[in-house]
Protein backbone atom coordinates (compact mmCIF):
# COMPACT_ATOMS: atom_id res chain seq x y z
CA MET A 1 0.00 0.00 0.00
CA THR A 2 1.42 3.38 -0.98
CA THR A 3 2.32 5.99 1.61
CA TYR A 4 3.62 9.49 0.95
CA ASN A 5 6.21 10.57 3.49
CA ALA A 6 7.88 13.51 1.80
CA VAL A 7 7.27 16.85 3.47
CA VAL A 8 7.85 18.78 0.27
CA LEU A 9 6.71 17.35 -3.05
CA ASP A 10 8.58 18.31 -6.21
CA ASP A 11 6.73 19.25 -9.38
CA THR A 12 7.21 15.85 -11.02
CA LEU A 13 5.77 13.97 -8.05
CA VAL A 14 2.89 16.42 -7.78
CA SER A 15 2.05 15.84 -11.44
CA CYS A 16 2.15 12.07 -10.96
CA LEU A 17 -0.05 12.25 -7.89
CA GLU A 18 -2.55 14.56 -9.60
CA ALA A 19 -2.73 12.23 -12.60
CA ARG A 20 -3.30 9.21 -10.39
CA LEU A 21 -5.92 11.09 -8.39
CA GLY A 22 -7.75 11.94 -11.61
CA GLN A 23 -7.80 8.27 -12.63
CA LEU A 24 -9.21 7.24 -9.26
CA LEU A 25 -11.87 9.93 -9.32
CA ARG A 26 -12.96 8.84 -12.79
CA ALA A 27 -13.21 5.27 -11.52
CA GLY A 28 -15.41 6.55 -8.72
CA ARG A 29 -17.76 8.19 -11.21
CA THR A 30 -18.15 4.91 -13.11
CA ASP A 31 -18.67 2.82 -9.95
CA THR A 32 -15.46 0.83 -10.56
CA LEU A 33 -13.51 2.22 -7.60
CA THR A 34 -12.30 -0.37 -5.11
CA LEU A 35 -11.86 0.15 -1.36
CA GLU A 36 -8.12 0.28 -2.00
CA GLY A 37 -8.76 3.04 -4.51
CA ARG A 38 -10.83 5.01 -2.01
CA PHE A 39 -8.00 4.76 0.48
CA LYS A 40 -5.51 5.99 -2.11
CA ILE A 41 -7.70 9.01 -2.86
CA THR A 42 -7.56 9.94 0.82
CA ARG A 43 -3.79 9.51 1.01
CA ILE A 44 -3.04 11.35 -2.25
CA SER A 45 -5.32 14.21 -1.24
CA ALA A 46 -3.51 14.43 2.10
CA ALA A 47 -0.13 14.49 0.37
CA LEU A 48 -1.17 17.19 -2.07
CA SER A 49 -2.58 19.33 0.72
CA GLY A 50 0.68 19.17 2.68
CA ARG A 51 -0.45 16.55 5.21
CA PRO A 52 1.56 13.49 4.14
CA GLY A 53 2.45 10.50 6.27
CA PRO A 54 1.01 7.12 7.17
CA ALA A 55 -2.71 6.90 7.81
CA PRO A 56 -4.00 5.78 11.21
CA ARG A 57 -4.96 2.12 11.14
CA ALA A 58 -8.31 0.54 11.92
CA ILE A 59 -7.83 -3.08 12.94
CA LEU A 60 -10.89 -5.17 12.06
CA MET A 61 -11.10 -8.79 13.16
CA SER A 62 -12.93 -11.74 11.65
CA GLY A 63 -13.51 -14.64 14.00
CA LEU A 64 -16.16 -16.55 15.92
CA GLN A 65 -16.75 -16.63 19.67
CA GLY A 66 -13.75 -17.97 21.55
CA ALA A 67 -11.30 -17.24 18.74
CA GLY A 68 -9.21 -14.88 20.90
CA LYS A 69 -10.39 -11.50 19.62
CA THR A 70 -10.44 -9.75 22.99
CA THR A 71 -7.02 -11.14 23.95
CA LEU A 72 -5.56 -9.79 20.71
CA ALA A 73 -7.44 -6.47 20.99
CA ARG A 74 -6.11 -5.91 24.50
CA ALA A 75 -2.57 -6.65 23.35
CA LEU A 76 -2.97 -4.05 20.60
CA GLU A 77 -4.40 -1.65 23.16
CA GLY A 78 -1.26 -2.16 25.24
CA ALA A 79 0.77 -1.19 22.16
CA GLY A 80 -1.09 2.10 21.79
CA PHE A 81 -4.18 1.27 19.74
CA ARG A 82 -7.53 2.61 20.95
CA ARG A 83 -9.81 -0.36 21.68
CA LEU A 84 -13.53 -0.22 20.87
CA CYS A 85 -15.71 -3.09 22.13
CA PRO A 86 -19.41 -3.31 21.14
CA ASP A 87 -20.04 -6.16 23.62
CA GLU A 88 -18.88 -4.01 26.52
CA GLU A 89 -21.12 -1.16 25.40
CA MET A 90 -24.03 -3.59 25.05
CA PHE A 91 -23.47 -4.76 28.63
CA ARG A 92 -23.23 -1.17 29.87
CA ARG A 93 -26.49 -0.14 28.19
CA TYR A 94 -28.62 -3.24 28.55
CA GLY A 95 -27.06 -5.57 31.10
CA HIS A 96 -26.75 -9.34 30.87
CA TYR A 97 -27.80 -11.05 27.65
CA GLY A 98 -30.58 -13.48 28.49
CA ARG A 99 -31.24 -12.16 32.00
CA ASP A 100 -31.77 -8.40 31.67
CA PHE A 101 -33.13 -8.59 28.12
CA PRO A 102 -34.41 -11.50 25.98
CA ARG A 103 -31.87 -13.39 23.88
CA GLY A 104 -33.97 -12.83 20.77
CA GLN A 105 -33.47 -9.05 21.04
CA PHE A 106 -29.68 -9.05 20.75
CA ARG A 107 -29.46 -7.98 17.10
CA ILE A 108 -32.09 -5.28 17.51
CA ARG A 109 -30.31 -3.76 20.49
CA GLU A 110 -26.87 -4.20 18.94
CA ALA A 111 -27.64 -2.15 15.81
CA PRO A 112 -27.53 1.32 17.46
CA VAL A 113 -24.48 0.26 19.48
CA LEU A 114 -22.58 -0.67 16.33
CA LYS A 115 -23.62 2.61 14.73
CA ASP A 116 -22.22 4.57 17.68
CA VAL A 117 -19.01 2.51 17.71
CA ALA A 118 -18.54 3.21 13.99
CA LEU A 119 -18.88 6.95 14.63
CA GLU A 120 -16.38 6.74 17.49
CA LEU A 121 -13.99 4.84 15.23
CA GLN A 122 -14.19 7.59 12.64
CA GLU A 123 -13.57 10.25 15.27
CA LEU A 124 -10.45 8.42 16.50
CA LEU A 125 -9.10 7.94 12.99
CA ALA A 126 -9.79 11.55 12.02
CA ALA A 127 -7.81 12.59 15.09
CA GLY A 128 -4.88 10.42 13.95
CA HIS A 129 -5.24 7.51 16.38
CA ASP A 130 -4.78 3.85 15.53
CA ALA A 131 -7.77 1.80 16.71
CA VAL A 132 -8.91 -1.80 17.03
CA VAL A 133 -12.56 -2.91 16.93
CA ASP A 134 -13.05 -5.86 19.30
CA HIS A 135 -15.76 -7.54 17.23
CA GLY A 136 -16.10 -10.57 14.97
CA PHE A 137 -17.24 -9.30 11.52
CA TRP A 138 -18.59 -12.62 10.24
CA THR A 139 -19.50 -11.64 6.69
CA ARG A 140 -17.75 -10.09 3.73
CA GLU A 141 -20.44 -7.40 3.59
CA GLU A 142 -19.82 -6.36 7.22
CA ARG A 143 -16.09 -6.23 6.65
CA ALA A 144 -16.49 -4.13 3.51
CA GLN A 145 -18.85 -1.74 5.27
CA TRP A 146 -16.50 -1.19 8.19
CA ALA A 147 -13.47 -0.89 5.91
CA ALA A 148 -15.33 1.84 4.04
CA THR A 149 -16.15 3.52 7.36
CA ALA A 150 -12.44 3.60 8.20
CA ILE A 151 -11.42 4.86 4.78
CA GLU A 152 -13.98 7.66 4.83
CA ALA A 153 -12.31 8.96 8.01
CA GLY A 154 -8.86 8.86 6.43
CA GLY A 155 -7.88 5.57 8.04
CA GLU A 156 -6.31 2.40 6.69
CA PRO A 157 -8.35 -0.75 7.41
CA VAL A 158 -6.33 -3.83 8.37
CA LEU A 159 -8.19 -7.15 8.56
CA ILE A 160 -7.06 -9.93 10.90
CA TYR A 161 -8.53 -13.42 10.57
CA LEU A 162 -8.66 -15.64 13.67
CA PRO A 163 -9.15 -19.28 12.59
CA VAL A 164 -9.62 -21.55 15.63
CA PRO A 165 -11.06 -25.10 15.63
CA HIS A 166 -14.51 -25.63 17.14
CA GLU A 167 -13.19 -27.87 19.94
CA VAL A 168 -10.77 -25.20 21.14
CA ARG A 169 -13.37 -22.46 20.97
CA TRP A 170 -15.98 -24.52 22.81
CA GLU A 171 -13.55 -25.32 25.62
CA ARG A 172 -12.85 -21.62 26.04
CA ILE A 173 -16.53 -20.68 25.91
CA ARG A 174 -17.48 -23.45 28.33
CA LYS A 175 -15.11 -22.00 30.93
CA ARG A 176 -16.10 -18.44 30.09
CA ASN A 177 -19.81 -19.07 30.57
CA ALA A 178 -19.30 -19.15 34.35
CA LYS A 179 -18.48 -15.42 34.24
CA SER A 180 -21.32 -14.34 31.97
CA LEU A 181 -23.25 -12.48 34.68
CA VAL A 182 -20.36 -10.14 35.49
CA ASP A 183 -18.07 -10.05 32.46
CA PRO A 184 -19.37 -8.25 29.33
CA ASN A 185 -16.86 -10.20 27.23
CA SER A 186 -18.22 -13.56 28.46
CA ILE A 187 -21.62 -13.78 26.81
CA GLU A 188 -23.10 -17.21 27.51
CA PHE A 189 -23.38 -19.63 24.59
CA SER A 190 -24.16 -23.33 24.30
CA GLU A 191 -22.22 -25.65 22.05
CA GLU A 192 -25.28 -25.77 19.79
CA ASP A 193 -25.08 -21.96 19.51
CA LEU A 194 -21.46 -22.18 18.40
CA LEU A 195 -22.20 -24.82 15.77
CA ARG A 196 -25.13 -22.82 14.41
CA HIS A 197 -23.10 -19.62 14.27
CA ALA A 198 -20.24 -21.38 12.50
CA GLY A 199 -22.64 -22.13 9.67
CA ARG A 200 -23.25 -18.40 9.22
CA PHE A 201 -19.57 -17.40 9.36
CA CYS A 202 -17.81 -16.49 6.10
CA PRO A 203 -14.03 -16.36 6.56
CA PRO A 204 -11.98 -13.90 4.52
CA THR A 205 -10.96 -15.13 1.08
CA ASP A 206 -7.78 -14.43 -0.85
CA ASP A 207 -9.28 -11.31 -2.41
CA GLU A 208 -9.74 -9.79 1.06
CA PRO A 209 -6.17 -8.95 2.13
CA HIS A 210 -5.70 -10.04 5.74
CA ILE A 211 -3.31 -11.15 8.44
CA VAL A 212 -3.85 -14.66 9.83
CA TYR A 213 -3.65 -14.74 13.63
CA ASP A 214 -1.67 -17.69 14.99
CA GLY A 215 -2.64 -17.16 18.62
CA HIS A 216 0.39 -15.03 19.44
CA PRO A 217 -0.36 -11.27 19.64
CA GLU A 218 3.32 -10.41 19.44
CA ASN A 219 3.45 -11.84 15.91
CA VAL A 220 0.60 -9.59 14.79
CA LEU A 221 2.33 -6.59 16.32
CA ALA A 222 5.56 -7.54 14.56
CA GLU A 223 3.76 -7.80 11.22
CA LEU A 224 2.11 -4.42 11.75
CA ARG A 225 5.51 -2.90 12.47
CA ARG A 226 7.01 -4.48 9.35
CA ALA A 227 4.21 -2.97 7.29
CA ARG A 228 4.84 0.43 8.86
CA PRO A 229 8.62 0.58 9.42
CA SER A 230 8.64 4.33 10.01
CA THR A 231 6.42 4.00 13.08
CA ASP A 232 6.55 1.93 16.26
CA GLY A 233 3.02 0.49 15.86
CA SER A 234 1.39 2.98 18.21
CA ARG A 235 -0.27 6.38 18.14
CA HIS A 236 -1.27 8.40 21.14
């Protein structure tokens, strides 16, 4: 992915950037612009306006319950990323899932929470902060929507896929269920729930660039640093 780090752009580079920007804008008018293209428009515009440099990153995760999303998100938070967690906001607003409100109302109540989290994500990115959304993003459509949300705020979406076998996830969830009344990140699920949800999960494909999580947060952090060698992986 292209970044523009020069503080002063010479005439030749300006001409190249303007030409590329024109191509991207024409693609936008014919509905052939990709998410990558939208990101490049933001970065080129920033460079031409005298605000070059790497864009703040929005880490989006794709994984089922028990895949390790919160563990990874907290590790990224420790490295300087701002962590946004819809489940924690759900717990704060509505209480325990299945006790304080019916299980069948989860999606209805989650919708405004996700909308507010998306707005907060954009605010953080616009202010120059790296952020991580502690959420699963099961479908390609969800991932595309949130990537677009990040790009519109001048951010760079980075997708991380957390593939974990059912048996491992169920063992984690089984232990976690005991804390469901007090821990917003321990929503209670049965094994039947997990199997049903797995049937609705669409993992990222090769045409969705992503990092595969191997269970070690330090490896993700190392990969993020390799992709952004001019920074230390954190923004404050």
